[in-house]
């Protein structure tokens, strides 16, 4: 596969600085080399440059840098659309606000190809706030609401060329949801599997059902992996830690099953904050997980010392 690495040094969607260093950390941890070793062609397209903030007025006074996030969304969406023409984009973040652009750009590509886009959201949070409902003002908490076409984003954010059907979104690892998000999600067909569901049924059962749905529809699959999907014990480099996340083996099993499915067409790696890491531990973990997604097997896993 032709993997295209796109660095997105976006940190303004979060309240804690440091995510802009995420792309560099992933490169230093050897993401490109790991993919080449698996037989893939790799093109590193470098980092996107921060755009000029757009003029932005909104009645919610707590929104943090909304004009800049709107400009980033437009830039990332166009980039995602362009690079997805002939390869598998891997968006190296950067905070989760970037997914408003990556997913909407890939959705435009999928629409042109006549295929439905499905999104696997691996995260502790649902990120289903709108510009009206967020009380923190941190816009890494709005991308799913945006790319599924929830009201309240126009005319402030770019118009969606192809909103993602909420029924095509599956969230796994959820364990922190605000009341407003919970109320909004009840009005949709988004599938939400919290950590209790994983404890009760196992992640393989939950994921297998979703993958079958994607396969039956002949769809494209975008995977958005947030560091806080992982338990903080194995993925400490994130500013939004929530205890009780996915274990090392659960996370790798998800990636191995995704590889076996052959359905994944694009990937986000987000919320890596190297300033909070322990000797590159989380960056190495994300590289290893990406390698599992791209074909590394259990017996091929390298020995690491932390």
C-alpha atoms as a PDB file:
ATOM      1  CA  UNK A   1       0.000   0.000   0.000  1.00  0.00           C
ATOM      2  CA  UNK A   2       1.131   3.573  -0.625  1.00  0.00           C
ATOM      3  CA  UNK A   3       1.041   5.279   2.783  1.00  0.00           C
ATOM      4  CA  UNK A   4       1.068   9.068   2.779  1.00  0.00           C
ATOM      5  CA  UNK A   5       2.180  10.710   6.024  1.00  0.00           C
ATOM      6  CA  UNK A   6       0.765  14.185   6.658  1.00  0.00           C
ATOM      7  CA  UNK A   7       1.876  16.061   9.762  1.00  0.00           C
ATOM      8  CA  UNK A   8      -0.743  18.339  11.298  1.00  0.00           C
ATOM      9  CA  UNK A   9       0.833  20.410  14.110  1.00  0.00           C
ATOM     10  CA  UNK A  10      -2.496  21.569  15.473  1.00  0.00           C
ATOM     11  CA  UNK A  11      -2.731  22.179  19.219  1.00  0.00           C
ATOM     12  CA  UNK A  12      -5.271  24.990  19.424  1.00  0.00           C
ATOM     13  CA  UNK A  13      -8.284  22.695  19.748  1.00  0.00           C
ATOM     14  CA  UNK A  14      -7.066  21.581  23.168  1.00  0.00           C
ATOM     15  CA  UNK A  15      -6.455  23.523  26.361  1.00  0.00           C
ATOM     16  CA  UNK A  16      -3.018  22.022  27.006  1.00  0.00           C
ATOM     17  CA  UNK A  17      -0.145  22.900  24.698  1.00  0.00           C
ATOM     18  CA  UNK A  18       2.182  20.312  23.215  1.00  0.00           C
ATOM     19  CA  UNK A  19       0.261  18.411  20.533  1.00  0.00           C
ATOM     20  CA  UNK A  20       1.953  20.420  17.798  1.00  0.00           C
ATOM     21  CA  UNK A  21       5.041  18.298  18.520  1.00  0.00           C
ATOM     22  CA  UNK A  22       3.152  15.065  17.847  1.00  0.00           C
ATOM     23  CA  UNK A  23       4.130  14.664  14.163  1.00  0.00           C
ATOM     24  CA  UNK A  24       7.825  15.071  14.995  1.00  0.00           C
ATOM     25  CA  UNK A  25       7.578  12.510  17.779  1.00  0.00           C
ATOM     26  CA  UNK A  26       5.959   9.958  15.471  1.00  0.00           C
ATOM     27  CA  UNK A  27       8.670  10.491  12.892  1.00  0.00           C
ATOM     28  CA  UNK A  28      11.378  10.164  15.545  1.00  0.00           C
ATOM     29  CA  UNK A  29       9.753   6.967  16.819  1.00  0.00           C
ATOM     30  CA  UNK A  30      10.198   5.481  13.351  1.00  0.00           C
ATOM     31  CA  UNK A  31       6.721   5.409  11.842  1.00  0.00           C
ATOM     32  CA  UNK A  32       7.947   5.560   8.243  1.00  0.00           C
ATOM     33  CA  UNK A  33      10.602   2.882   8.798  1.00  0.00           C
ATOM     34  CA  UNK A  34       8.067   0.562  10.440  1.00  0.00           C
ATOM     35  CA  UNK A  35       5.780   0.831   7.410  1.00  0.00           C
ATOM     36  CA  UNK A  36       8.615   0.304   4.934  1.00  0.00           C
ATOM     37  CA  UNK A  37       9.712  -2.815   6.825  1.00  0.00           C
ATOM     38  CA  UNK A  38       6.212  -4.184   6.278  1.00  0.00           C
ATOM     39  CA  UNK A  39       6.582  -3.735   2.531  1.00  0.00           C
ATOM     40  CA  UNK A  40       4.593  -0.526   2.098  1.00  0.00           C
ATOM     41  CA  UNK A  41       5.593   2.438  -0.006  1.00  0.00           C
ATOM     42  CA  UNK A  42       5.827   5.554   2.153  1.00  0.00           C
ATOM     43  CA  UNK A  43       5.708   9.216   1.163  1.00  0.00           C
ATOM     44  CA  UNK A  44       6.202  11.765   3.934  1.00  0.00           C
ATOM     45  CA  UNK A  45       4.460  14.897   2.705  1.00  0.00           C
ATOM     46  CA  UNK A  46       5.758  17.000   5.584  1.00  0.00           C
ATOM     47  CA  UNK A  47       3.706  19.181   7.886  1.00  0.00           C
ATOM     48  CA  UNK A  48       0.858  21.479   6.944  1.00  0.00           C
ATOM     49  CA  UNK A  49       1.584  25.113   7.779  1.00  0.00           C
ATOM     50  CA  UNK A  50      -0.798  26.849  10.144  1.00  0.00           C
ATOM     51  CA  UNK A  51      -3.370  28.899   8.205  1.00  0.00           C
ATOM     52  CA  UNK A  52      -4.489  32.429   8.937  1.00  0.00           C
ATOM     53  CA  UNK A  53      -7.430  32.531  11.328  1.00  0.00           C
ATOM     54  CA  UNK A  54     -10.782  33.369   9.754  1.00  0.00           C
ATOM     55  CA  UNK A  55     -13.050  36.105  11.013  1.00  0.00           C
ATOM     56  CA  UNK A  56     -15.391  34.462  13.500  1.00  0.00           C
ATOM     57  CA  UNK A  57     -18.198  35.738  15.705  1.00  0.00           C
ATOM     58  CA  UNK A  58     -20.320  33.420  17.814  1.00  0.00           C
ATOM     59  CA  UNK A  59     -22.649  33.912  20.786  1.00  0.00           C
ATOM     60  CA  UNK A  60     -20.835  31.249  22.822  1.00  0.00           C
ATOM     61  CA  UNK A  61     -18.107  33.318  24.518  1.00  0.00           C
ATOM     62  CA  UNK A  62     -15.996  30.373  25.711  1.00  0.00           C
ATOM     63  CA  UNK A  63     -14.984  29.111  22.257  1.00  0.00           C
ATOM     64  CA  UNK A  64     -11.198  28.966  22.024  1.00  0.00           C
ATOM     65  CA  UNK A  65      -9.695  30.214  18.747  1.00  0.00           C
ATOM     66  CA  UNK A  66     -12.713  29.221  16.628  1.00  0.00           C
ATOM     67  CA  UNK A  67     -11.537  31.214  13.612  1.00  0.00           C
ATOM     68  CA  UNK A  68      -8.245  29.345  13.589  1.00  0.00           C
ATOM     69  CA  UNK A  69      -9.879  25.927  14.010  1.00  0.00           C
ATOM     70  CA  UNK A  70     -12.290  26.733  11.179  1.00  0.00           C
ATOM     71  CA  UNK A  71      -9.338  27.641   8.942  1.00  0.00           C
ATOM     72  CA  UNK A  72      -7.489  24.451   9.920  1.00  0.00           C
ATOM     73  CA  UNK A  73     -10.614  22.420   9.124  1.00  0.00           C
ATOM     74  CA  UNK A  74     -10.836  23.886   5.625  1.00  0.00           C
ATOM     75  CA  UNK A  75      -7.121  23.277   4.960  1.00  0.00           C
ATOM     76  CA  UNK A  76      -7.100  19.716   6.304  1.00  0.00           C
ATOM     77  CA  UNK A  77     -10.292  18.775   4.458  1.00  0.00           C
ATOM     78  CA  UNK A  78      -8.872  19.892   1.121  1.00  0.00           C
ATOM     79  CA  UNK A  79      -5.580  18.116   1.836  1.00  0.00           C
ATOM     80  CA  UNK A  80      -7.372  14.915   2.825  1.00  0.00           C
ATOM     81  CA  UNK A  81      -9.409  14.981  -0.341  1.00  0.00           C
ATOM     82  CA  UNK A  82      -6.366  15.531  -2.553  1.00  0.00           C
ATOM     83  CA  UNK A  83      -4.000  12.969  -0.997  1.00  0.00           C
ATOM     84  CA  UNK A  84      -6.651  10.245  -0.810  1.00  0.00           C
ATOM     85  CA  UNK A  85      -6.802  10.037  -4.610  1.00  0.00           C
ATOM     86  CA  UNK A  86      -4.010   7.478  -4.868  1.00  0.00           C
ATOM     87  CA  UNK A  87      -2.938   6.222  -1.453  1.00  0.00           C
ATOM     88  CA  UNK A  88      -3.724   5.740   2.215  1.00  0.00           C
ATOM     89  CA  UNK A  89      -3.436   9.014   4.144  1.00  0.00           C
ATOM     90  CA  UNK A  90      -2.111   8.827   7.710  1.00  0.00           C
ATOM     91  CA  UNK A  91      -2.796  12.100   9.501  1.00  0.00           C
ATOM     92  CA  UNK A  92      -0.270  12.631  12.273  1.00  0.00           C
ATOM     93  CA  UNK A  93      -1.570  15.014  14.890  1.00  0.00           C
ATOM     94  CA  UNK A  94      -2.052  17.231  16.538  1.00  0.00           C
ATOM     95  CA  UNK A  95      -5.226  17.328  18.627  1.00  0.00           C
ATOM     96  CA  UNK A  96      -8.527  15.722  17.675  1.00  0.00           C
ATOM     97  CA  UNK A  97      -9.915  18.914  16.148  1.00  0.00           C
ATOM     98  CA  UNK A  98      -8.018  17.838  13.031  1.00  0.00           C
ATOM     99  CA  UNK A  99     -10.552  15.067  12.413  1.00  0.00           C
ATOM    100  CA  UNK A 100     -13.198  17.627  11.502  1.00  0.00           C
ATOM    101  CA  UNK A 101     -11.091  18.178   8.401  1.00  0.00           C
ATOM    102  CA  UNK A 102      -9.618  14.734   7.768  1.00  0.00           C
ATOM    103  CA  UNK A 103     -12.945  12.916   7.940  1.00  0.00           C
ATOM    104  CA  UNK A 104     -14.891  15.500   5.956  1.00  0.00           C
ATOM    105  CA  UNK A 105     -12.232  15.465   3.224  1.00  0.00           C
ATOM    106  CA  UNK A 106     -12.208  11.672   3.035  1.00  0.00           C
ATOM    107  CA  UNK A 107     -16.031  11.676   2.982  1.00  0.00           C
ATOM    108  CA  UNK A 108     -15.917  13.890  -0.095  1.00  0.00           C
ATOM    109  CA  UNK A 109     -13.582  11.384  -1.769  1.00  0.00           C
ATOM    110  CA  UNK A 110     -15.823   8.465  -0.810  1.00  0.00           C
ATOM    111  CA  UNK A 111     -18.855  10.229  -2.257  1.00  0.00           C
ATOM    112  CA  UNK A 112     -17.056  10.703  -5.580  1.00  0.00           C
ATOM    113  CA  UNK A 113     -16.197   7.004  -5.597  1.00  0.00           C
ATOM    114  CA  UNK A 114     -19.815   6.111  -4.911  1.00  0.00           C
ATOM    115  CA  UNK A 115     -18.999   4.414  -1.600  1.00  0.00           C
ATOM    116  CA  UNK A 116     -20.303   5.049   1.915  1.00  0.00           C
ATOM    117  CA  UNK A 117     -17.726   6.207   4.454  1.00  0.00           C
ATOM    118  CA  UNK A 118     -17.616   4.526   7.855  1.00  0.00           C
ATOM    119  CA  UNK A 119     -15.705   5.911  10.840  1.00  0.00           C
ATOM    120  CA  UNK A 120     -14.246   3.926  13.743  1.00  0.00           C
ATOM    121  CA  UNK A 121     -13.739   6.364  16.614  1.00  0.00           C
ATOM    122  CA  UNK A 122     -11.273   4.967  19.174  1.00  0.00           C
ATOM    123  CA  UNK A 123     -11.444   7.441  22.019  1.00  0.00           C
ATOM    124  CA  UNK A 124     -12.332   7.979  25.664  1.00  0.00           C
ATOM    125  CA  UNK A 125     -14.653  10.790  24.547  1.00  0.00           C
ATOM    126  CA  UNK A 126     -17.437  11.038  22.000  1.00  0.00           C
ATOM    127  CA  UNK A 127     -16.416  14.540  20.797  1.00  0.00           C
ATOM    128  CA  UNK A 128     -20.057  15.211  19.994  1.00  0.00           C
ATOM    129  CA  UNK A 129     -20.410  18.781  21.235  1.00  0.00           C
ATOM    130  CA  UNK A 130     -21.564  21.570  18.949  1.00  0.00           C
ATOM    131  CA  UNK A 131     -20.391  25.164  19.042  1.00  0.00           C
ATOM    132  CA  UNK A 132     -23.410  25.924  21.222  1.00  0.00           C
ATOM    133  CA  UNK A 133     -23.137  23.091  23.735  1.00  0.00           C
ATOM    134  CA  UNK A 134     -19.433  23.109  24.581  1.00  0.00           C
ATOM    135  CA  UNK A 135     -18.758  24.604  27.991  1.00  0.00           C
ATOM    136  CA  UNK A 136     -14.991  24.209  27.871  1.00  0.00           C
ATOM    137  CA  UNK A 137     -14.637  25.904  24.495  1.00  0.00           C
ATOM    138  CA  UNK A 138     -12.070  23.310  23.446  1.00  0.00           C
ATOM    139  CA  UNK A 139     -12.882  22.464  19.847  1.00  0.00           C
ATOM    140  CA  UNK A 140     -11.226  19.049  19.859  1.00  0.00           C
ATOM    141  CA  UNK A 141     -14.564  18.101  21.418  1.00  0.00           C
ATOM    142  CA  UNK A 142     -16.711  18.860  18.332  1.00  0.00           C
ATOM    143  CA  UNK A 143     -15.418  16.966  15.254  1.00  0.00           C
ATOM    144  CA  UNK A 144     -17.912  14.070  15.230  1.00  0.00           C
ATOM    145  CA  UNK A 145     -20.869  16.410  15.580  1.00  0.00           C
ATOM    146  CA  UNK A 146     -19.448  18.486  12.728  1.00  0.00           C
ATOM    147  CA  UNK A 147     -18.704  15.778  10.185  1.00  0.00           C
ATOM    148  CA  UNK A 148     -22.028  14.021  10.806  1.00  0.00           C
ATOM    149  CA  UNK A 149     -23.856  17.219   9.924  1.00  0.00           C
ATOM    150  CA  UNK A 150     -25.246  18.266  13.305  1.00  0.00           C
ATOM    151  CA  UNK A 151     -26.783  21.764  13.207  1.00  0.00           C
ATOM    152  CA  UNK A 152     -25.018  24.772  14.632  1.00  0.00           C
ATOM    153  CA  UNK A 153     -21.778  24.850  12.624  1.00  0.00           C
ATOM    154  CA  UNK A 154     -22.887  26.875   9.597  1.00  0.00           C
ATOM    155  CA  UNK A 155     -21.781  29.411   8.534  1.00  0.00           C
ATOM    156  CA  UNK A 156     -18.834  29.347  10.901  1.00  0.00           C
ATOM    157  CA  UNK A 157     -17.253  26.086   9.704  1.00  0.00           C
ATOM    158  CA  UNK A 158     -16.833  24.979   6.067  1.00  0.00           C
ATOM    159  CA  UNK A 159     -19.931  23.580   4.426  1.00  0.00           C
ATOM    160  CA  UNK A 160     -19.806  19.793   4.251  1.00  0.00           C
ATOM    161  CA  UNK A 161     -19.608  18.296   0.790  1.00  0.00           C
ATOM    162  CA  UNK A 162     -20.649  14.888   2.120  1.00  0.00           C
ATOM    163  CA  UNK A 163     -21.813  14.532   5.733  1.00  0.00           C
ATOM    164  CA  UNK A 164     -21.073  11.140   7.265  1.00  0.00           C
ATOM    165  CA  UNK A 165     -24.196   9.133   8.082  1.00  0.00           C
ATOM    166  CA  UNK A 166     -24.271   8.868  11.917  1.00  0.00           C
ATOM    167  CA  UNK A 167     -25.321   5.233  11.503  1.00  0.00           C
ATOM    168  CA  UNK A 168     -21.900   4.658   9.928  1.00  0.00           C
ATOM    169  CA  UNK A 169     -20.002   5.816  13.026  1.00  0.00           C
ATOM    170  CA  UNK A 170     -18.867   3.346  15.690  1.00  0.00           C
ATOM    171  CA  UNK A 171     -17.200   4.541  18.890  1.00  0.00           C
ATOM    172  CA  UNK A 172     -15.183   2.143  21.037  1.00  0.00           C
ATOM    173  CA  UNK A 173     -13.493   2.836  24.367  1.00  0.00           C
ATOM    174  CA  UNK A 174     -15.849   5.591  25.494  1.00  0.00           C
ATOM    175  CA  UNK A 175     -15.780   6.441  29.214  1.00  0.00           C
ATOM    176  CA  UNK A 176     -16.295  10.205  29.568  1.00  0.00           C
ATOM    177  CA  UNK A 177     -19.416  11.811  28.053  1.00  0.00           C
ATOM    178  CA  UNK A 178     -20.959  15.160  28.959  1.00  0.00           C
ATOM    179  CA  UNK A 179     -24.714  15.431  29.498  1.00  0.00           C
ATOM    180  CA  UNK A 180     -25.237  17.528  26.360  1.00  0.00           C
ATOM    181  CA  UNK A 181     -23.362  15.006  24.243  1.00  0.00           C
ATOM    182  CA  UNK A 182     -25.334  12.124  25.736  1.00  0.00           C
ATOM    183  CA  UNK A 183     -28.613  13.850  24.911  1.00  0.00           C
ATOM    184  CA  UNK A 184     -27.517  14.536  21.328  1.00  0.00           C
ATOM    185  CA  UNK A 185     -26.260  10.999  20.784  1.00  0.00           C
ATOM    186  CA  UNK A 186     -29.639   9.591  21.810  1.00  0.00           C
ATOM    187  CA  UNK A 187     -31.118  11.376  18.794  1.00  0.00           C
ATOM    188  CA  UNK A 188     -28.751   9.619  16.383  1.00  0.00           C
ATOM    189  CA  UNK A 189     -27.847   6.127  15.261  1.00  0.00           C
ATOM    190  CA  UNK A 190     -24.199   6.436  16.278  1.00  0.00           C
ATOM    191  CA  UNK A 191     -23.009   3.164  17.841  1.00  0.00           C
ATOM    192  CA  UNK A 192     -21.332   3.788  21.192  1.00  0.00           C
ATOM    193  CA  UNK A 193     -19.450   0.991  22.961  1.00  0.00           C
ATOM    194  CA  UNK A 194     -18.177   2.123  26.331  1.00  0.00           C
ATOM    195  CA  UNK A 195     -15.592   0.292  28.412  1.00  0.00           C
ATOM    196  CA  UNK A 196     -18.301  -1.657  30.224  1.00  0.00           C
ATOM    197  CA  UNK A 197     -19.374  -3.156  26.889  1.00  0.00           C
ATOM    198  CA  UNK A 198     -15.776  -4.161  26.275  1.00  0.00           C
ATOM    199  CA  UNK A 199     -15.594  -5.708  29.746  1.00  0.00           C
ATOM    200  CA  UNK A 200     -18.830  -7.640  29.196  1.00  0.00           C
ATOM    201  CA  UNK A 201     -18.480  -8.802  25.610  1.00  0.00           C
ATOM    202  CA  UNK A 202     -14.843  -8.304  24.642  1.00  0.00           C
ATOM    203  CA  UNK A 203     -13.607  -5.850  22.056  1.00  0.00           C
ATOM    204  CA  UNK A 204     -13.416  -8.490  19.297  1.00  0.00           C
ATOM    205  CA  UNK A 205     -17.159  -9.149  19.346  1.00  0.00           C
ATOM    206  CA  UNK A 206     -18.008  -5.460  19.192  1.00  0.00           C
ATOM    207  CA  UNK A 207     -15.538  -4.652  16.436  1.00  0.00           C
ATOM    208  CA  UNK A 208     -16.339  -7.719  14.330  1.00  0.00           C
ATOM    209  CA  UNK A 209     -19.994  -6.682  14.107  1.00  0.00           C
ATOM    210  CA  UNK A 210     -19.053  -3.211  12.866  1.00  0.00           C
ATOM    211  CA  UNK A 211     -16.527  -4.495  10.350  1.00  0.00           C
ATOM    212  CA  UNK A 212     -19.127  -6.839   8.914  1.00  0.00           C
ATOM    213  CA  UNK A 213     -21.441  -3.871   8.451  1.00  0.00           C
ATOM    214  CA  UNK A 214     -18.725  -1.974   6.567  1.00  0.00           C
ATOM    215  CA  UNK A 215     -17.949  -4.995   4.378  1.00  0.00           C
ATOM    216  CA  UNK A 216     -21.607  -5.640   3.584  1.00  0.00           C
ATOM    217  CA  UNK A 217     -22.018  -2.033   2.429  1.00  0.00           C
ATOM    218  CA  UNK A 218     -18.846  -2.062   0.335  1.00  0.00           C
ATOM    219  CA  UNK A 219     -17.709   0.941   2.329  1.00  0.00           C
ATOM    220  CA  UNK A 220     -14.496   2.787   3.009  1.00  0.00           C
ATOM    221  CA  UNK A 221     -13.276   2.868   6.613  1.00  0.00           C
ATOM    222  CA  UNK A 222     -11.564   5.778   8.341  1.00  0.00           C
ATOM    223  CA  UNK A 223      -9.981   5.006  11.719  1.00  0.00           C
ATOM    224  CA  UNK A 224      -9.443   7.816  14.207  1.00  0.00           C
ATOM    225  CA  UNK A 225      -7.157   6.772  17.076  1.00  0.00           C
ATOM    226  CA  UNK A 226      -6.911   9.090  20.063  1.00  0.00           C
ATOM    227  CA  UNK A 227      -4.144   8.400  22.585  1.00  0.00           C
ATOM    228  CA  UNK A 228      -6.698   8.528  25.398  1.00  0.00           C
ATOM    229  CA  UNK A 229      -8.359   5.422  23.964  1.00  0.00           C
ATOM    230  CA  UNK A 230      -5.501   3.692  25.756  1.00  0.00           C
ATOM    231  CA  UNK A 231      -5.238   3.286  29.483  1.00  0.00           C
ATOM    232  CA  UNK A 232      -2.963   6.055  30.851  1.00  0.00           C
ATOM    233  CA  UNK A 233      -0.652   3.379  32.228  1.00  0.00           C
ATOM    234  CA  UNK A 234       0.446   2.516  28.668  1.00  0.00           C
ATOM    235  CA  UNK A 235      -0.304   5.831  26.925  1.00  0.00           C
ATOM    236  CA  UNK A 236       0.536   8.689  29.299  1.00  0.00           C
ATOM    237  CA  UNK A 237       1.307  11.355  26.674  1.00  0.00           C
ATOM    238  CA  UNK A 238      -2.137  12.937  26.455  1.00  0.00           C
ATOM    239  CA  UNK A 239      -3.711  15.906  28.168  1.00  0.00           C
ATOM    240  CA  UNK A 240      -7.131  14.265  28.571  1.00  0.00           C
ATOM    241  CA  UNK A 241      -6.343  11.065  30.470  1.00  0.00           C
ATOM    242  CA  UNK A 242      -9.267   8.986  31.726  1.00  0.00           C
ATOM    243  CA  UNK A 243      -8.527   5.861  33.809  1.00  0.00           C
ATOM    244  CA  UNK A 244      -9.740   2.475  32.658  1.00  0.00           C
ATOM    245  CA  UNK A 245      -8.863   2.596  28.961  1.00  0.00           C
ATOM    246  CA  UNK A 246      -7.897  -0.108  26.516  1.00  0.00           C
ATOM    247  CA  UNK A 247      -5.101  -2.437  27.520  1.00  0.00           C
ATOM    248  CA  UNK A 248      -2.015  -3.146  25.430  1.00  0.00           C
ATOM    249  CA  UNK A 249      -3.478  -6.380  24.086  1.00  0.00           C
ATOM    250  CA  UNK A 250      -6.973  -4.950  23.474  1.00  0.00           C
ATOM    251  CA  UNK A 251      -5.482  -2.084  21.460  1.00  0.00           C
ATOM    252  CA  UNK A 252      -3.303  -4.389  19.377  1.00  0.00           C
ATOM    253  CA  UNK A 253      -6.176  -6.804  18.832  1.00  0.00           C
ATOM    254  CA  UNK A 254      -8.266  -3.961  17.415  1.00  0.00           C
ATOM    255  CA  UNK A 255      -5.470  -3.067  15.013  1.00  0.00           C
ATOM    256  CA  UNK A 256      -4.837  -6.668  13.992  1.00  0.00           C
ATOM    257  CA  UNK A 257      -8.524  -7.206  13.265  1.00  0.00           C
ATOM    258  CA  UNK A 258      -8.605  -4.004  11.222  1.00  0.00           C
ATOM    259  CA  UNK A 259      -5.695  -5.276   9.164  1.00  0.00           C
ATOM    260  CA  UNK A 260      -7.369  -8.644   8.637  1.00  0.00           C
ATOM    261  CA  UNK A 261     -10.514  -6.897   7.404  1.00  0.00           C
ATOM    262  CA  UNK A 262      -8.682  -5.101   4.583  1.00  0.00           C
ATOM    263  CA  UNK A 263     -11.175  -2.239   4.910  1.00  0.00           C
ATOM    264  CA  UNK A 264      -9.145   0.647   6.315  1.00  0.00           C
ATOM    265  CA  UNK A 265      -8.486   3.437   3.817  1.00  0.00           C
ATOM    266  CA  UNK A 266      -7.296   6.299   6.072  1.00  0.00           C
ATOM    267  CA  UNK A 267      -6.060   6.867   9.621  1.00  0.00           C
ATOM    268  CA  UNK A 268      -5.797   9.609  12.245  1.00  0.00           C
ATOM    269  CA  UNK A 269      -3.195   9.451  15.022  1.00  0.00           C
ATOM    270  CA  UNK A 270      -4.163  12.224  17.416  1.00  0.00           C
ATOM    271  CA  UNK A 271      -3.673  13.874  20.810  1.00  0.00           C
ATOM    272  CA  UNK A 272      -0.051  12.748  21.196  1.00  0.00           C
ATOM    273  CA  UNK A 273       1.580  15.309  23.480  1.00  0.00           C
ATOM    274  CA  UNK A 274       5.304  14.496  23.672  1.00  0.00           C
ATOM    275  CA  UNK A 275       5.732  17.044  26.480  1.00  0.00           C
ATOM    276  CA  UNK A 276       3.805  14.603  28.703  1.00  0.00           C
ATOM    277  CA  UNK A 277       5.495  11.426  27.479  1.00  0.00           C
ATOM    278  CA  UNK A 278       7.951   9.126  29.226  1.00  0.00           C
ATOM    279  CA  UNK A 279      11.082   8.670  27.045  1.00  0.00           C
ATOM    280  CA  UNK A 280       8.937   8.405  23.918  1.00  0.00           C
ATOM    281  CA  UNK A 281       6.852   5.574  25.325  1.00  0.00           C
ATOM    282  CA  UNK A 282       3.517   6.698  23.892  1.00  0.00           C
ATOM    283  CA  UNK A 283       4.966   7.674  20.518  1.00  0.00           C
ATOM    284  CA  UNK A 284       6.528   4.207  20.236  1.00  0.00           C
ATOM    285  CA  UNK A 285       3.184   2.682  21.233  1.00  0.00           C
ATOM    286  CA  UNK A 286       1.378   4.543  18.435  1.00  0.00           C
ATOM    287  CA  UNK A 287       3.984   3.409  15.919  1.00  0.00           C
ATOM    288  CA  UNK A 288       3.583  -0.195  17.083  1.00  0.00           C
ATOM    289  CA  UNK A 289      -0.207   0.032  16.860  1.00  0.00           C
ATOM    290  CA  UNK A 290       0.005   1.484  13.353  1.00  0.00           C
ATOM    291  CA  UNK A 291       2.340  -1.349  12.389  1.00  0.00           C
ATOM    292  CA  UNK A 292      -0.225  -3.865  13.673  1.00  0.00           C
ATOM    293  CA  UNK A 293      -2.879  -2.143  11.588  1.00  0.00           C
ATOM    294  CA  UNK A 294      -0.624  -2.372   8.557  1.00  0.00           C
ATOM    295  CA  UNK A 295       0.288  -6.033   8.894  1.00  0.00           C
ATOM    296  CA  UNK A 296       2.718  -6.689  11.732  1.00  0.00           C
ATOM    297  CA  UNK A 297       1.801  -9.917  13.523  1.00  0.00           C
ATOM    298  CA  UNK A 298       2.173 -10.855  17.179  1.00  0.00           C
ATOM    299  CA  UNK A 299       5.329 -12.862  16.566  1.00  0.00           C
ATOM    300  CA  UNK A 300       6.921  -9.982  14.629  1.00  0.00           C
ATOM    301  CA  UNK A 301       6.636  -7.557  17.539  1.00  0.00           C
ATOM    302  CA  UNK A 302       9.970  -6.044  18.605  1.00  0.00           C
ATOM    303  CA  UNK A 303      11.303  -6.214  22.135  1.00  0.00           C
ATOM    304  CA  UNK A 304      11.267  -2.815  23.829  1.00  0.00           C
ATOM    305  CA  UNK A 305      12.746  -1.555  27.069  1.00  0.00           C
ATOM    306  CA  UNK A 306      11.021   1.312  28.854  1.00  0.00           C
END
